């Protein structure tokens, strides 16, 4: 009968020695990244050696950065939120809905801090034939999140819940802003053009008898020709550049400026520029003399 403890007393067979070449390869093999800084260094090296093109490098770097950012870093502040008053009839709300061009609106009742839900613009299509409809029937429950929530966690929640907008609250429970899925995704892939960008060559769109929607990237020369005005183009080529010079800073959403008989209101902006402007003619011209179409 074999001794069950024999293996404990007998010497173990020696492990085969690694070849000199194997040892040399182990010395040359780089250690795996230990943290995100190491990963970023690997990405930079890959980009420098053309292993990653610029777009891929920016996207992967953005995905890493999302985990380091919180909602407070990218949210739309409370002062810049476009809200709808649930007590107002639908015909009174429609101008604000069409002029801002958002697909989702926080809805409040009584006080602007009392957010009771979110209204989807597409749901209003069901109510266009019934102006007496109370929009309460269309309002969806709001989602509240703390401003300290990390963006990677928020993106996961957006995907799971199929929600695209959240109301941001501070540590005391007060409303401090809002954030959308598009805001988070833009941190990874860069600016996402909205539905108004389908016509890439067109930058000015009529929205009413004396109102228009214009891209911030609209050329001043084209704008002057469309509206019959003379915005200066010596120091700027685009509407956004001209507006920034007039304001003395990067345009912010909600800012308004009146020049040349026109009111310019920023309806969409990021940290670098105004993306969309609402243009209103202050002194409507006779139909025969209007330029912009």
C-alpha atoms as a PDB file:
ATOM      1  CA  UNK A   1       0.000   0.000   0.000  1.00  0.00           C
ATOM      2  CA  UNK A   2       1.572   3.321  -0.969  1.00  0.00           C
ATOM      3  CA  UNK A   3       2.464   5.723   1.793  1.00  0.00           C
ATOM      4  CA  UNK A   4      -0.039   8.629   1.668  1.00  0.00           C
ATOM      5  CA  UNK A   5       2.596  10.960   3.076  1.00  0.00           C
ATOM      6  CA  UNK A   6       5.317   9.948   0.698  1.00  0.00           C
ATOM      7  CA  UNK A   7       4.780  13.034  -1.443  1.00  0.00           C
ATOM      8  CA  UNK A   8       5.480  15.228   1.580  1.00  0.00           C
ATOM      9  CA  UNK A   9       8.835  13.657   2.309  1.00  0.00           C
ATOM     10  CA  UNK A  10      10.125  13.152  -1.212  1.00  0.00           C
ATOM     11  CA  UNK A  11      11.814  16.107  -2.949  1.00  0.00           C
ATOM     12  CA  UNK A  12       9.791  17.797  -5.688  1.00  0.00           C
ATOM     13  CA  UNK A  13      11.152  17.503  -9.201  1.00  0.00           C
ATOM     14  CA  UNK A  14      13.009  20.668 -10.214  1.00  0.00           C
ATOM     15  CA  UNK A  15      11.124  23.101 -12.463  1.00  0.00           C
ATOM     16  CA  UNK A  16      12.602  23.352 -15.909  1.00  0.00           C
ATOM     17  CA  UNK A  17      14.820  26.374 -16.196  1.00  0.00           C
ATOM     18  CA  UNK A  18      13.604  29.109 -18.548  1.00  0.00           C
ATOM     19  CA  UNK A  19      15.756  29.763 -21.513  1.00  0.00           C
ATOM     20  CA  UNK A  20      17.837  32.912 -21.724  1.00  0.00           C
ATOM     21  CA  UNK A  21      15.646  34.130 -24.602  1.00  0.00           C
ATOM     22  CA  UNK A  22      12.483  33.720 -22.490  1.00  0.00           C
ATOM     23  CA  UNK A  23      14.018  35.741 -19.683  1.00  0.00           C
ATOM     24  CA  UNK A  24      15.113  38.460 -22.097  1.00  0.00           C
ATOM     25  CA  UNK A  25      11.614  38.699 -23.575  1.00  0.00           C
ATOM     26  CA  UNK A  26      10.134  39.040 -20.077  1.00  0.00           C
ATOM     27  CA  UNK A  27      12.450  41.972 -19.389  1.00  0.00           C
ATOM     28  CA  UNK A  28      11.443  43.711 -22.609  1.00  0.00           C
ATOM     29  CA  UNK A  29       7.716  43.124 -22.144  1.00  0.00           C
ATOM     30  CA  UNK A  30       6.165  46.311 -20.682  1.00  0.00           C
ATOM     31  CA  UNK A  31       4.197  46.084 -17.462  1.00  0.00           C
ATOM     32  CA  UNK A  32       0.411  46.414 -17.794  1.00  0.00           C
ATOM     33  CA  UNK A  33      -1.042  49.878 -17.082  1.00  0.00           C
ATOM     34  CA  UNK A  34      -1.438  50.415 -13.355  1.00  0.00           C
ATOM     35  CA  UNK A  35      -3.900  53.308 -13.478  1.00  0.00           C
ATOM     36  CA  UNK A  36      -5.720  55.663 -15.852  1.00  0.00           C
ATOM     37  CA  UNK A  37      -2.679  57.872 -16.242  1.00  0.00           C
ATOM     38  CA  UNK A  38      -0.777  54.877 -17.594  1.00  0.00           C
ATOM     39  CA  UNK A  39      -3.644  54.108 -19.987  1.00  0.00           C
ATOM     40  CA  UNK A  40      -3.625  57.701 -21.217  1.00  0.00           C
ATOM     41  CA  UNK A  41       0.140  57.472 -21.774  1.00  0.00           C
ATOM     42  CA  UNK A  42      -0.367  54.307 -23.853  1.00  0.00           C
ATOM     43  CA  UNK A  43      -3.090  56.036 -25.876  1.00  0.00           C
ATOM     44  CA  UNK A  44      -0.883  59.072 -26.497  1.00  0.00           C
ATOM     45  CA  UNK A  45       1.949  56.826 -27.663  1.00  0.00           C
ATOM     46  CA  UNK A  46      -0.439  54.937 -29.964  1.00  0.00           C
ATOM     47  CA  UNK A  47      -1.689  58.215 -31.383  1.00  0.00           C
ATOM     48  CA  UNK A  48       1.842  59.590 -31.830  1.00  0.00           C
ATOM     49  CA  UNK A  49       2.801  56.447 -33.775  1.00  0.00           C
ATOM     50  CA  UNK A  50      -0.391  56.593 -35.906  1.00  0.00           C
ATOM     51  CA  UNK A  51      -1.763  53.379 -34.411  1.00  0.00           C
ATOM     52  CA  UNK A  52      -4.875  55.384 -33.479  1.00  0.00           C
ATOM     53  CA  UNK A  53      -6.248  58.112 -35.693  1.00  0.00           C
ATOM     54  CA  UNK A  54      -7.279  61.424 -34.191  1.00  0.00           C
ATOM     55  CA  UNK A  55     -10.981  60.600 -33.992  1.00  0.00           C
ATOM     56  CA  UNK A  56     -10.436  57.238 -32.289  1.00  0.00           C
ATOM     57  CA  UNK A  57      -7.945  58.752 -29.865  1.00  0.00           C
ATOM     58  CA  UNK A  58     -10.360  61.557 -28.928  1.00  0.00           C
ATOM     59  CA  UNK A  59     -13.250  59.132 -28.444  1.00  0.00           C
ATOM     60  CA  UNK A  60     -11.331  56.711 -26.206  1.00  0.00           C
ATOM     61  CA  UNK A  61      -9.850  59.591 -24.218  1.00  0.00           C
ATOM     62  CA  UNK A  62     -13.353  61.015 -23.810  1.00  0.00           C
ATOM     63  CA  UNK A  63     -14.644  57.683 -22.527  1.00  0.00           C
ATOM     64  CA  UNK A  64     -11.887  57.665 -19.884  1.00  0.00           C
ATOM     65  CA  UNK A  65     -12.615  61.268 -18.923  1.00  0.00           C
ATOM     66  CA  UNK A  66     -16.314  60.534 -18.366  1.00  0.00           C
ATOM     67  CA  UNK A  67     -15.468  58.434 -15.316  1.00  0.00           C
ATOM     68  CA  UNK A  68     -13.607  61.401 -13.803  1.00  0.00           C
ATOM     69  CA  UNK A  69     -16.396  63.953 -14.323  1.00  0.00           C
ATOM     70  CA  UNK A  70     -19.579  64.571 -12.397  1.00  0.00           C
ATOM     71  CA  UNK A  71     -22.959  65.935 -13.412  1.00  0.00           C
ATOM     72  CA  UNK A  72     -21.993  69.322 -11.960  1.00  0.00           C
ATOM     73  CA  UNK A  73     -19.227  69.600 -14.591  1.00  0.00           C
ATOM     74  CA  UNK A  74     -21.577  69.568 -17.591  1.00  0.00           C
ATOM     75  CA  UNK A  75     -25.115  70.365 -16.433  1.00  0.00           C
ATOM     76  CA  UNK A  76     -27.198  73.237 -17.733  1.00  0.00           C
ATOM     77  CA  UNK A  77     -27.515  75.611 -14.801  1.00  0.00           C
ATOM     78  CA  UNK A  78     -30.887  76.419 -13.234  1.00  0.00           C
ATOM     79  CA  UNK A  79     -30.823  79.982 -14.584  1.00  0.00           C
ATOM     80  CA  UNK A  80     -30.461  78.701 -18.166  1.00  0.00           C
ATOM     81  CA  UNK A  81     -33.150  76.019 -18.019  1.00  0.00           C
ATOM     82  CA  UNK A  82     -36.111  76.406 -20.381  1.00  0.00           C
ATOM     83  CA  UNK A  83     -39.179  75.466 -18.347  1.00  0.00           C
ATOM     84  CA  UNK A  84     -42.881  75.223 -19.102  1.00  0.00           C
ATOM     85  CA  UNK A  85     -45.623  76.356 -16.721  1.00  0.00           C
ATOM     86  CA  UNK A  86     -48.141  73.535 -16.453  1.00  0.00           C
ATOM     87  CA  UNK A  87     -50.933  75.981 -15.589  1.00  0.00           C
ATOM     88  CA  UNK A  88     -50.744  77.808 -18.936  1.00  0.00           C
ATOM     89  CA  UNK A  89     -52.889  76.689 -21.883  1.00  0.00           C
ATOM     90  CA  UNK A  90     -51.177  74.923 -24.747  1.00  0.00           C
ATOM     91  CA  UNK A  91     -51.486  77.796 -27.294  1.00  0.00           C
ATOM     92  CA  UNK A  92     -49.480  80.021 -24.944  1.00  0.00           C
ATOM     93  CA  UNK A  93     -46.743  77.426 -24.598  1.00  0.00           C
ATOM     94  CA  UNK A  94     -46.302  76.603 -28.279  1.00  0.00           C
ATOM     95  CA  UNK A  95     -44.177  79.672 -29.211  1.00  0.00           C
ATOM     96  CA  UNK A  96     -41.606  78.838 -26.520  1.00  0.00           C
ATOM     97  CA  UNK A  97     -41.582  75.189 -27.579  1.00  0.00           C
ATOM     98  CA  UNK A  98     -41.009  75.940 -31.252  1.00  0.00           C
ATOM     99  CA  UNK A  99     -38.481  78.738 -30.721  1.00  0.00           C
ATOM    100  CA  UNK A 100     -36.173  76.839 -28.357  1.00  0.00           C
ATOM    101  CA  UNK A 101     -36.264  73.700 -30.468  1.00  0.00           C
ATOM    102  CA  UNK A 102     -35.799  71.288 -27.543  1.00  0.00           C
ATOM    103  CA  UNK A 103     -37.240  67.788 -27.642  1.00  0.00           C
ATOM    104  CA  UNK A 104     -37.861  67.671 -23.859  1.00  0.00           C
ATOM    105  CA  UNK A 105     -38.985  70.308 -21.377  1.00  0.00           C
ATOM    106  CA  UNK A 106     -39.088  70.251 -17.577  1.00  0.00           C
ATOM    107  CA  UNK A 107     -42.542  71.300 -16.406  1.00  0.00           C
ATOM    108  CA  UNK A 108     -43.172  73.225 -13.180  1.00  0.00           C
ATOM    109  CA  UNK A 109     -46.253  74.173 -11.185  1.00  0.00           C
ATOM    110  CA  UNK A 110     -46.515  77.372  -9.180  1.00  0.00           C
ATOM    111  CA  UNK A 111     -42.818  77.837  -8.409  1.00  0.00           C
ATOM    112  CA  UNK A 112     -39.974  77.152 -10.852  1.00  0.00           C
ATOM    113  CA  UNK A 113     -38.326  74.976  -8.208  1.00  0.00           C
ATOM    114  CA  UNK A 114     -41.388  72.724  -8.149  1.00  0.00           C
ATOM    115  CA  UNK A 115     -40.611  70.461 -11.110  1.00  0.00           C
ATOM    116  CA  UNK A 116     -43.548  68.101 -11.572  1.00  0.00           C
ATOM    117  CA  UNK A 117     -42.499  66.285 -14.735  1.00  0.00           C
ATOM    118  CA  UNK A 118     -41.050  66.318 -18.222  1.00  0.00           C
ATOM    119  CA  UNK A 119     -42.930  67.037 -21.433  1.00  0.00           C
ATOM    120  CA  UNK A 120     -41.748  65.450 -24.684  1.00  0.00           C
ATOM    121  CA  UNK A 121     -42.288  67.591 -27.750  1.00  0.00           C
ATOM    122  CA  UNK A 122     -43.254  64.519 -29.756  1.00  0.00           C
ATOM    123  CA  UNK A 123     -46.130  63.857 -27.351  1.00  0.00           C
ATOM    124  CA  UNK A 124     -47.539  67.264 -28.276  1.00  0.00           C
ATOM    125  CA  UNK A 125     -48.162  65.984 -31.790  1.00  0.00           C
ATOM    126  CA  UNK A 126     -51.051  64.064 -30.265  1.00  0.00           C
ATOM    127  CA  UNK A 127     -52.527  67.288 -28.928  1.00  0.00           C
ATOM    128  CA  UNK A 128     -52.165  69.640 -31.887  1.00  0.00           C
ATOM    129  CA  UNK A 129     -55.814  69.184 -32.867  1.00  0.00           C
ATOM    130  CA  UNK A 130     -57.028  69.788 -29.310  1.00  0.00           C
ATOM    131  CA  UNK A 131     -55.849  73.156 -27.971  1.00  0.00           C
ATOM    132  CA  UNK A 132     -58.013  72.710 -24.894  1.00  0.00           C
ATOM    133  CA  UNK A 133     -56.067  69.641 -23.791  1.00  0.00           C
ATOM    134  CA  UNK A 134     -54.474  69.935 -20.349  1.00  0.00           C
ATOM    135  CA  UNK A 135     -50.802  69.093 -20.784  1.00  0.00           C
ATOM    136  CA  UNK A 136     -50.878  67.300 -17.432  1.00  0.00           C
ATOM    137  CA  UNK A 137     -52.094  64.270 -19.365  1.00  0.00           C
ATOM    138  CA  UNK A 138     -48.846  64.270 -21.379  1.00  0.00           C
ATOM    139  CA  UNK A 139     -46.327  65.016 -18.631  1.00  0.00           C
ATOM    140  CA  UNK A 140     -44.007  62.177 -17.665  1.00  0.00           C
ATOM    141  CA  UNK A 141     -42.549  61.690 -14.173  1.00  0.00           C
ATOM    142  CA  UNK A 142     -39.288  63.587 -13.569  1.00  0.00           C
ATOM    143  CA  UNK A 143     -36.001  61.928 -12.685  1.00  0.00           C
ATOM    144  CA  UNK A 144     -33.895  63.634 -10.015  1.00  0.00           C
ATOM    145  CA  UNK A 145     -30.163  63.033  -9.561  1.00  0.00           C
ATOM    146  CA  UNK A 146     -27.486  64.573  -7.306  1.00  0.00           C
ATOM    147  CA  UNK A 147     -24.945  66.915  -8.842  1.00  0.00           C
ATOM    148  CA  UNK A 148     -22.171  64.670  -7.505  1.00  0.00           C
ATOM    149  CA  UNK A 149     -23.176  61.663  -9.637  1.00  0.00           C
ATOM    150  CA  UNK A 150     -20.420  60.512 -11.977  1.00  0.00           C
ATOM    151  CA  UNK A 151     -21.149  60.640 -15.689  1.00  0.00           C
ATOM    152  CA  UNK A 152     -20.364  56.976 -16.354  1.00  0.00           C
ATOM    153  CA  UNK A 153     -22.962  55.996 -13.739  1.00  0.00           C
ATOM    154  CA  UNK A 154     -25.495  58.429 -15.183  1.00  0.00           C
ATOM    155  CA  UNK A 155     -24.982  57.113 -18.712  1.00  0.00           C
ATOM    156  CA  UNK A 156     -25.660  53.579 -17.467  1.00  0.00           C
ATOM    157  CA  UNK A 157     -28.855  54.750 -15.744  1.00  0.00           C
ATOM    158  CA  UNK A 158     -29.994  56.570 -18.870  1.00  0.00           C
ATOM    159  CA  UNK A 159     -29.520  53.419 -20.929  1.00  0.00           C
ATOM    160  CA  UNK A 160     -31.300  51.142 -18.464  1.00  0.00           C
ATOM    161  CA  UNK A 161     -34.256  53.465 -17.838  1.00  0.00           C
ATOM    162  CA  UNK A 162     -34.479  54.732 -21.439  1.00  0.00           C
ATOM    163  CA  UNK A 163     -34.673  58.199 -19.984  1.00  0.00           C
ATOM    164  CA  UNK A 164     -32.887  61.085 -21.732  1.00  0.00           C
ATOM    165  CA  UNK A 165     -33.202  63.955 -19.250  1.00  0.00           C
ATOM    166  CA  UNK A 166     -32.632  64.290 -15.522  1.00  0.00           C
ATOM    167  CA  UNK A 167     -33.174  67.181 -13.100  1.00  0.00           C
ATOM    168  CA  UNK A 168     -30.093  67.913 -10.989  1.00  0.00           C
ATOM    169  CA  UNK A 169     -30.486  68.714  -7.296  1.00  0.00           C
ATOM    170  CA  UNK A 170     -27.972  69.989  -4.762  1.00  0.00           C
ATOM    171  CA  UNK A 171     -27.244  68.582  -1.313  1.00  0.00           C
ATOM    172  CA  UNK A 172     -30.180  70.522   0.145  1.00  0.00           C
ATOM    173  CA  UNK A 173     -32.661  69.167  -2.392  1.00  0.00           C
ATOM    174  CA  UNK A 174     -32.909  72.384  -4.411  1.00  0.00           C
ATOM    175  CA  UNK A 175     -32.975  72.462  -8.208  1.00  0.00           C
ATOM    176  CA  UNK A 176     -29.576  73.445  -9.606  1.00  0.00           C
ATOM    177  CA  UNK A 177     -29.798  72.378 -13.251  1.00  0.00           C
ATOM    178  CA  UNK A 178     -30.529  69.641 -15.737  1.00  0.00           C
ATOM    179  CA  UNK A 179     -28.510  67.191 -17.808  1.00  0.00           C
ATOM    180  CA  UNK A 180     -29.382  65.133 -20.897  1.00  0.00           C
ATOM    181  CA  UNK A 181     -28.023  61.972 -22.440  1.00  0.00           C
ATOM    182  CA  UNK A 182     -26.746  64.073 -25.338  1.00  0.00           C
ATOM    183  CA  UNK A 183     -24.705  66.160 -22.883  1.00  0.00           C
ATOM    184  CA  UNK A 184     -23.015  62.992 -21.583  1.00  0.00           C
ATOM    185  CA  UNK A 185     -22.424  61.459 -25.008  1.00  0.00           C
ATOM    186  CA  UNK A 186     -20.857  64.673 -26.264  1.00  0.00           C
ATOM    187  CA  UNK A 187     -18.167  64.244 -23.616  1.00  0.00           C
ATOM    188  CA  UNK A 188     -17.169  61.045 -25.445  1.00  0.00           C
ATOM    189  CA  UNK A 189     -17.817  61.624 -29.133  1.00  0.00           C
ATOM    190  CA  UNK A 190     -17.750  65.421 -29.342  1.00  0.00           C
ATOM    191  CA  UNK A 191     -20.542  67.712 -30.484  1.00  0.00           C
ATOM    192  CA  UNK A 192     -23.680  65.957 -31.700  1.00  0.00           C
ATOM    193  CA  UNK A 193     -25.573  67.975 -34.272  1.00  0.00           C
ATOM    194  CA  UNK A 194     -29.316  68.037 -33.785  1.00  0.00           C
ATOM    195  CA  UNK A 195     -32.162  67.537 -36.237  1.00  0.00           C
ATOM    196  CA  UNK A 196     -31.797  71.041 -37.637  1.00  0.00           C
ATOM    197  CA  UNK A 197     -28.398  70.088 -39.062  1.00  0.00           C
ATOM    198  CA  UNK A 198     -29.806  67.691 -41.666  1.00  0.00           C
ATOM    199  CA  UNK A 199     -29.540  70.482 -44.210  1.00  0.00           C
ATOM    200  CA  UNK A 200     -25.822  71.068 -43.866  1.00  0.00           C
ATOM    201  CA  UNK A 201     -25.685  73.846 -46.440  1.00  0.00           C
ATOM    202  CA  UNK A 202     -28.527  75.825 -44.909  1.00  0.00           C
ATOM    203  CA  UNK A 203     -27.849  77.823 -41.752  1.00  0.00           C
ATOM    204  CA  UNK A 204     -30.885  80.114 -41.480  1.00  0.00           C
ATOM    205  CA  UNK A 205     -34.442  78.785 -41.110  1.00  0.00           C
ATOM    206  CA  UNK A 206     -37.703  80.710 -40.978  1.00  0.00           C
ATOM    207  CA  UNK A 207     -39.806  79.818 -37.926  1.00  0.00           C
ATOM    208  CA  UNK A 208     -42.526  82.470 -38.184  1.00  0.00           C
ATOM    209  CA  UNK A 209     -43.647  85.555 -40.049  1.00  0.00           C
ATOM    210  CA  UNK A 210     -40.886  87.682 -38.502  1.00  0.00           C
ATOM    211  CA  UNK A 211     -38.726  85.129 -36.719  1.00  0.00           C
ATOM    212  CA  UNK A 212     -35.893  82.845 -37.759  1.00  0.00           C
ATOM    213  CA  UNK A 213     -33.560  80.239 -36.340  1.00  0.00           C
ATOM    214  CA  UNK A 214     -29.893  80.575 -37.295  1.00  0.00           C
ATOM    215  CA  UNK A 215     -26.842  78.446 -36.652  1.00  0.00           C
ATOM    216  CA  UNK A 216     -23.994  80.137 -34.822  1.00  0.00           C
ATOM    217  CA  UNK A 217     -21.734  78.990 -37.646  1.00  0.00           C
ATOM    218  CA  UNK A 218     -23.721  80.995 -40.223  1.00  0.00           C
ATOM    219  CA  UNK A 219     -21.412  83.185 -42.294  1.00  0.00           C
ATOM    220  CA  UNK A 220     -21.861  86.906 -41.618  1.00  0.00           C
ATOM    221  CA  UNK A 221     -21.797  87.579 -45.354  1.00  0.00           C
ATOM    222  CA  UNK A 222     -24.692  85.165 -45.888  1.00  0.00           C
ATOM    223  CA  UNK A 223     -26.573  86.601 -42.908  1.00  0.00           C
ATOM    224  CA  UNK A 224     -26.192  90.183 -44.152  1.00  0.00           C
ATOM    225  CA  UNK A 225     -27.444  89.185 -47.561  1.00  0.00           C
ATOM    226  CA  UNK A 226     -30.435  87.295 -46.124  1.00  0.00           C
ATOM    227  CA  UNK A 227     -31.546  90.075 -43.769  1.00  0.00           C
ATOM    228  CA  UNK A 228     -30.418  93.144 -45.675  1.00  0.00           C
ATOM    229  CA  UNK A 229     -28.230  94.372 -42.805  1.00  0.00           C
ATOM    230  CA  UNK A 230     -24.539  95.204 -42.427  1.00  0.00           C
ATOM    231  CA  UNK A 231     -23.091  93.256 -39.528  1.00  0.00           C
ATOM    232  CA  UNK A 232     -19.342  93.981 -39.469  1.00  0.00           C
ATOM    233  CA  UNK A 233     -17.198  91.109 -40.734  1.00  0.00           C
ATOM    234  CA  UNK A 234     -13.709  92.582 -40.296  1.00  0.00           C
ATOM    235  CA  UNK A 235     -12.973  90.717 -37.049  1.00  0.00           C
ATOM    236  CA  UNK A 236     -15.257  87.685 -37.374  1.00  0.00           C
ATOM    237  CA  UNK A 237     -16.508  85.443 -40.156  1.00  0.00           C
ATOM    238  CA  UNK A 238     -19.450  83.804 -38.387  1.00  0.00           C
ATOM    239  CA  UNK A 239     -22.514  84.933 -36.500  1.00  0.00           C
ATOM    240  CA  UNK A 240     -21.120  83.342 -33.326  1.00  0.00           C
ATOM    241  CA  UNK A 241     -17.840  85.262 -33.660  1.00  0.00           C
ATOM    242  CA  UNK A 242     -19.659  88.545 -34.165  1.00  0.00           C
ATOM    243  CA  UNK A 243     -21.949  87.902 -31.200  1.00  0.00           C
ATOM    244  CA  UNK A 244     -19.009  87.005 -28.937  1.00  0.00           C
ATOM    245  CA  UNK A 245     -17.295  90.259 -29.883  1.00  0.00           C
ATOM    246  CA  UNK A 246     -20.453  92.256 -29.158  1.00  0.00           C
ATOM    247  CA  UNK A 247     -21.015  90.592 -25.779  1.00  0.00           C
ATOM    248  CA  UNK A 248     -17.366  90.529 -24.781  1.00  0.00           C
ATOM    249  CA  UNK A 249     -17.479  86.823 -23.899  1.00  0.00           C
ATOM    250  CA  UNK A 250     -18.547  83.433 -25.239  1.00  0.00           C
ATOM    251  CA  UNK A 251     -22.338  83.605 -25.760  1.00  0.00           C
ATOM    252  CA  UNK A 252     -24.434  81.835 -23.145  1.00  0.00           C
ATOM    253  CA  UNK A 253     -27.879  80.367 -23.570  1.00  0.00           C
ATOM    254  CA  UNK A 254     -30.640  82.839 -22.811  1.00  0.00           C
ATOM    255  CA  UNK A 255     -28.576  85.953 -23.587  1.00  0.00           C
ATOM    256  CA  UNK A 256     -30.260  88.546 -25.796  1.00  0.00           C
ATOM    257  CA  UNK A 257     -28.830  91.323 -27.948  1.00  0.00           C
ATOM    258  CA  UNK A 258     -30.577  93.893 -30.133  1.00  0.00           C
ATOM    259  CA  UNK A 259     -28.788  95.277 -33.182  1.00  0.00           C
ATOM    260  CA  UNK A 260     -29.826  96.589 -36.622  1.00  0.00           C
ATOM    261  CA  UNK A 261     -33.538  96.221 -35.869  1.00  0.00           C
ATOM    262  CA  UNK A 262     -33.077  92.548 -34.951  1.00  0.00           C
ATOM    263  CA  UNK A 263     -33.208  90.752 -31.587  1.00  0.00           C
ATOM    264  CA  UNK A 264     -30.677  87.924 -31.241  1.00  0.00           C
ATOM    265  CA  UNK A 265     -31.404  85.357 -28.517  1.00  0.00           C
ATOM    266  CA  UNK A 266     -29.064  82.433 -27.800  1.00  0.00           C
ATOM    267  CA  UNK A 267     -31.200  79.288 -27.544  1.00  0.00           C
ATOM    268  CA  UNK A 268     -28.392  76.703 -27.550  1.00  0.00           C
ATOM    269  CA  UNK A 269     -24.747  77.072 -26.541  1.00  0.00           C
ATOM    270  CA  UNK A 270     -21.833  75.108 -25.173  1.00  0.00           C
ATOM    271  CA  UNK A 271     -18.622  76.167 -23.517  1.00  0.00           C
ATOM    272  CA  UNK A 272     -17.067  77.247 -26.812  1.00  0.00           C
ATOM    273  CA  UNK A 273     -19.742  78.941 -28.876  1.00  0.00           C
ATOM    274  CA  UNK A 274     -23.392  79.679 -29.555  1.00  0.00           C
ATOM    275  CA  UNK A 275     -24.868  76.803 -31.524  1.00  0.00           C
ATOM    276  CA  UNK A 276     -28.341  78.175 -32.317  1.00  0.00           C
ATOM    277  CA  UNK A 277     -29.836  81.662 -32.236  1.00  0.00           C
ATOM    278  CA  UNK A 278     -33.396  82.889 -32.448  1.00  0.00           C
ATOM    279  CA  UNK A 279     -33.718  85.997 -34.616  1.00  0.00           C
ATOM    280  CA  UNK A 280     -36.714  88.316 -34.259  1.00  0.00           C
ATOM    281  CA  UNK A 281     -37.296  91.371 -36.447  1.00  0.00           C
ATOM    282  CA  UNK A 282     -38.197  94.223 -34.093  1.00  0.00           C
ATOM    283  CA  UNK A 283     -39.759  96.389 -36.789  1.00  0.00           C
ATOM    284  CA  UNK A 284     -41.419  94.025 -39.268  1.00  0.00           C
ATOM    285  CA  UNK A 285     -40.836  95.014 -42.871  1.00  0.00           C
ATOM    286  CA  UNK A 286     -43.521  94.909 -45.529  1.00  0.00           C
ATOM    287  CA  UNK A 287     -43.609  91.457 -47.159  1.00  0.00           C
ATOM    288  CA  UNK A 288     -42.190  92.804 -50.444  1.00  0.00           C
ATOM    289  CA  UNK A 289     -39.034  94.100 -48.732  1.00  0.00           C
ATOM    290  CA  UNK A 290     -38.191  91.113 -46.544  1.00  0.00           C
ATOM    291  CA  UNK A 291     -34.987  89.269 -47.453  1.00  0.00           C
ATOM    292  CA  UNK A 292     -34.586  86.218 -45.218  1.00  0.00           C
ATOM    293  CA  UNK A 293     -36.634  83.193 -46.186  1.00  0.00           C
END
